Amino acid sequence: MSPRLKTLTIHEVSQLCGVSTHTLRFWEKELVGLIVPQRTKGGQRRYAPEHILVIEDIKNLKSKGLSLPEIRDELNRHYSSKENRHSDQGADVIANRIAEIVRAAIFNFLNGKTVKE
């Protein structure tokens, strides 16, 4: 059995990053694919350490005056080029993001929630 990584609640991430829970939920919705927290059986968000890094990147770009669409484009370019330079690490990042999305979709399916496109 593999050890579970420590995940954080939305409240813990909010306090740690100095960002409101409302803002975290908004960014998750608006910056599709950049912040995809895991979900508990009850639907609560659980953030991994990598999410903290993304949130800090968003805050940094926001402080420079970038809009959310500009931030999304910048971070997608940044992570894409970073993944190309570190293909093994990049594959892990992509695999983890896909796994998070799949877990969320399975959770929603098992709980009778429909996915809106």
C-alpha atoms as a PDB file:
ATOM      1  CA  MET A   1       0.000   0.000   0.000  1.00  0.00           C
ATOM      2  CA  SER A   2       1.464   3.363  -0.981  1.00  0.00           C
ATOM      3  CA  PRO A   3       1.564   6.210   1.538  1.00  0.00           C
ATOM      4  CA  ARG A   4      -0.967   8.973   0.930  1.00  0.00           C
ATOM      5  CA  LEU A   5       0.341  12.435   0.264  1.00  0.00           C
ATOM      6  CA  LYS A   6      -0.897  15.138   2.592  1.00  0.00           C
ATOM      7  CA  THR A   7      -3.658  17.097   0.985  1.00  0.00           C
ATOM      8  CA  LEU A   8      -5.077  20.389   2.166  1.00  0.00           C
ATOM      9  CA  THR A   9      -8.630  21.618   2.507  1.00  0.00           C
ATOM     10  CA  ILE A  10      -9.758  24.738   0.690  1.00  0.00           C
ATOM     11  CA  HIS A  11      -9.694  26.580   4.022  1.00  0.00           C
ATOM     12  CA  GLU A  12      -6.082  25.527   4.690  1.00  0.00           C
ATOM     13  CA  VAL A  13      -5.015  26.594   1.181  1.00  0.00           C
ATOM     14  CA  SER A  14      -6.874  29.872   1.605  1.00  0.00           C
ATOM     15  CA  GLN A  15      -4.985  30.654   4.801  1.00  0.00           C
ATOM     16  CA  LEU A  16      -1.647  29.415   3.489  1.00  0.00           C
ATOM     17  CA  CYS A  17      -1.826  31.411   0.242  1.00  0.00           C
ATOM     18  CA  GLY A  18      -3.700  34.452   1.506  1.00  0.00           C
ATOM     19  CA  VAL A  19      -6.498  33.983  -1.018  1.00  0.00           C
ATOM     20  CA  SER A  20     -10.190  33.713  -0.152  1.00  0.00           C
ATOM     21  CA  THR A  21     -12.008  30.411  -0.624  1.00  0.00           C
ATOM     22  CA  HIS A  22     -14.351  32.214  -3.023  1.00  0.00           C
ATOM     23  CA  THR A  23     -11.365  33.282  -5.147  1.00  0.00           C
ATOM     24  CA  LEU A  24      -9.950  29.750  -5.180  1.00  0.00           C
ATOM     25  CA  ARG A  25     -13.274  28.367  -6.422  1.00  0.00           C
ATOM     26  CA  PHE A  26     -13.495  31.153  -9.030  1.00  0.00           C
ATOM     27  CA  TRP A  27      -9.969  30.511 -10.297  1.00  0.00           C
ATOM     28  CA  GLU A  28     -10.679  26.772 -10.481  1.00  0.00           C
ATOM     29  CA  LYS A  29     -13.690  27.537 -12.694  1.00  0.00           C
ATOM     30  CA  GLU A  30     -12.096  30.272 -14.832  1.00  0.00           C
ATOM     31  CA  LEU A  31      -8.600  28.805 -15.232  1.00  0.00           C
ATOM     32  CA  VAL A  32      -9.798  25.434 -16.477  1.00  0.00           C
ATOM     33  CA  GLY A  33      -7.231  22.694 -16.024  1.00  0.00           C
ATOM     34  CA  LEU A  34      -4.717  24.725 -14.010  1.00  0.00           C
ATOM     35  CA  ILE A  35      -6.212  24.023 -10.588  1.00  0.00           C
ATOM     36  CA  VAL A  36      -8.027  20.693 -10.374  1.00  0.00           C
ATOM     37  CA  PRO A  37      -8.267  19.601  -6.748  1.00  0.00           C
ATOM     38  CA  GLN A  38      -9.189  16.077  -5.792  1.00  0.00           C
ATOM     39  CA  ARG A  39     -12.618  15.547  -4.269  1.00  0.00           C
ATOM     40  CA  THR A  40     -13.589  13.574  -1.200  1.00  0.00           C
ATOM     41  CA  LYS A  41     -16.564  11.227  -1.233  1.00  0.00           C
ATOM     42  CA  GLY A  42     -18.548  14.160   0.110  1.00  0.00           C
ATOM     43  CA  GLY A  43     -17.385  16.426  -2.727  1.00  0.00           C
ATOM     44  CA  GLN A  44     -14.993  18.559  -0.676  1.00  0.00           C
ATOM     45  CA  ARG A  45     -11.893  19.857  -2.425  1.00  0.00           C
ATOM     46  CA  ARG A  46      -8.488  18.497  -1.458  1.00  0.00           C
ATOM     47  CA  TYR A  47      -5.417  20.308  -2.748  1.00  0.00           C
ATOM     48  CA  ALA A  48      -2.005  18.762  -3.357  1.00  0.00           C
ATOM     49  CA  PRO A  49       1.279  20.620  -2.787  1.00  0.00           C
ATOM     50  CA  GLU A  50       1.562  21.270  -6.542  1.00  0.00           C
ATOM     51  CA  HIS A  51      -1.631  23.327  -6.388  1.00  0.00           C
ATOM     52  CA  ILE A  52       0.044  25.740  -3.969  1.00  0.00           C
ATOM     53  CA  LEU A  53       2.755  26.424  -6.558  1.00  0.00           C
ATOM     54  CA  VAL A  54       0.162  27.115  -9.260  1.00  0.00           C
ATOM     55  CA  ILE A  55      -1.797  29.417  -6.941  1.00  0.00           C
ATOM     56  CA  GLU A  56       1.385  31.347  -6.111  1.00  0.00           C
ATOM     57  CA  ASP A  57       2.110  31.676  -9.848  1.00  0.00           C
ATOM     58  CA  ILE A  58      -1.415  33.010 -10.403  1.00  0.00           C
ATOM     59  CA  LYS A  59      -1.024  35.523  -7.559  1.00  0.00           C
ATOM     60  CA  ASN A  60       2.312  36.678  -8.968  1.00  0.00           C
ATOM     61  CA  LEU A  61       0.908  37.219 -12.464  1.00  0.00           C
ATOM     62  CA  LYS A  62      -2.203  38.891 -11.037  1.00  0.00           C
ATOM     63  CA  SER A  63       0.025  41.337  -9.135  1.00  0.00           C
ATOM     64  CA  LYS A  64       1.651  42.229 -12.463  1.00  0.00           C
ATOM     65  CA  GLY A  65      -1.759  43.246 -13.819  1.00  0.00           C
ATOM     66  CA  LEU A  66      -2.513  40.266 -16.057  1.00  0.00           C
ATOM     67  CA  SER A  67      -6.148  39.290 -16.641  1.00  0.00           C
ATOM     68  CA  LEU A  68      -7.326  35.738 -15.972  1.00  0.00           C
ATOM     69  CA  PRO A  69      -7.313  34.800 -19.695  1.00  0.00           C
ATOM     70  CA  GLU A  70      -3.749  36.161 -19.962  1.00  0.00           C
ATOM     71  CA  ILE A  71      -2.754  34.240 -16.829  1.00  0.00           C
ATOM     72  CA  ARG A  72      -4.277  31.042 -18.207  1.00  0.00           C
ATOM     73  CA  ASP A  73      -2.386  31.436 -21.486  1.00  0.00           C
ATOM     74  CA  GLU A  74       0.884  32.348 -19.741  1.00  0.00           C
ATOM     75  CA  LEU A  75       0.746  29.433 -17.314  1.00  0.00           C
ATOM     76  CA  ASN A  76      -0.238  26.978 -20.035  1.00  0.00           C
ATOM     77  CA  ARG A  77       2.803  28.141 -22.050  1.00  0.00           C
ATOM     78  CA  HIS A  78       5.011  28.056 -18.958  1.00  0.00           C
ATOM     79  CA  TYR A  79       4.015  24.559 -17.895  1.00  0.00           C
ATOM     80  CA  SER A  80       4.138  23.322 -21.467  1.00  0.00           C
ATOM     81  CA  SER A  81       7.702  24.571 -22.004  1.00  0.00           C
ATOM     82  CA  LYS A  82       8.716  23.352 -18.551  1.00  0.00           C
ATOM     83  CA  GLU A  83       7.315  19.922 -19.362  1.00  0.00           C
ATOM     84  CA  ASN A  84       9.258  19.866 -22.624  1.00  0.00           C
ATOM     85  CA  ARG A  85      12.512  20.645 -20.768  1.00  0.00           C
ATOM     86  CA  HIS A  86      11.831  18.054 -18.090  1.00  0.00           C
ATOM     87  CA  SER A  87       9.927  15.401 -19.992  1.00  0.00           C
ATOM     88  CA  ASP A  88       9.923  12.837 -17.163  1.00  0.00           C
ATOM     89  CA  GLN A  89       8.664  15.387 -14.646  1.00  0.00           C
ATOM     90  CA  GLY A  90       6.272  16.796 -17.239  1.00  0.00           C
ATOM     91  CA  ALA A  91       4.795  13.375 -17.857  1.00  0.00           C
ATOM     92  CA  ASP A  92       4.254  13.002 -14.111  1.00  0.00           C
ATOM     93  CA  VAL A  93       2.560  16.409 -13.905  1.00  0.00           C
ATOM     94  CA  ILE A  94       0.276  15.588 -16.816  1.00  0.00           C
ATOM     95  CA  ALA A  95      -0.498  12.127 -15.430  1.00  0.00           C
ATOM     96  CA  ASN A  96      -1.349  13.607 -12.036  1.00  0.00           C
ATOM     97  CA  ARG A  97      -3.638  16.236 -13.572  1.00  0.00           C
ATOM     98  CA  ILE A  98      -5.376  13.619 -15.707  1.00  0.00           C
ATOM     99  CA  ALA A  99      -5.778  11.369 -12.665  1.00  0.00           C
ATOM    100  CA  GLU A 100      -7.332  14.249 -10.706  1.00  0.00           C
ATOM    101  CA  ILE A 101      -9.782  14.969 -13.530  1.00  0.00           C
ATOM    102  CA  VAL A 102     -10.672  11.290 -13.896  1.00  0.00           C
ATOM    103  CA  ARG A 103     -11.193  10.912 -10.121  1.00  0.00           C
ATOM    104  CA  ALA A 104     -13.497  13.943 -10.143  1.00  0.00           C
ATOM    105  CA  ALA A 105     -15.455  12.582 -13.123  1.00  0.00           C
ATOM    106  CA  ILE A 106     -15.824   9.159 -11.483  1.00  0.00           C
ATOM    107  CA  PHE A 107     -16.923  10.778  -8.229  1.00  0.00           C
ATOM    108  CA  ASN A 108     -19.515  12.866 -10.063  1.00  0.00           C
ATOM    109  CA  PHE A 109     -20.729   9.848 -12.043  1.00  0.00           C
ATOM    110  CA  LEU A 110     -21.078   7.664  -8.941  1.00  0.00           C
ATOM    111  CA  ASN A 111     -22.971  10.402  -7.145  1.00  0.00           C
ATOM    112  CA  GLY A 112     -25.364  11.015 -10.030  1.00  0.00           C
ATOM    113  CA  LYS A 113     -24.016  14.439 -10.935  1.00  0.00           C
ATOM    114  CA  THR A 114     -24.026  15.431 -14.583  1.00  0.00           C
ATOM    115  CA  VAL A 115     -21.049  17.113 -16.166  1.00  0.00           C
ATOM    116  CA  LYS A 116     -21.801  20.354 -18.035  1.00  0.00           C
ATOM    117  CA  GLU A 117     -19.763  21.089 -21.149  1.00  0.00           C
END
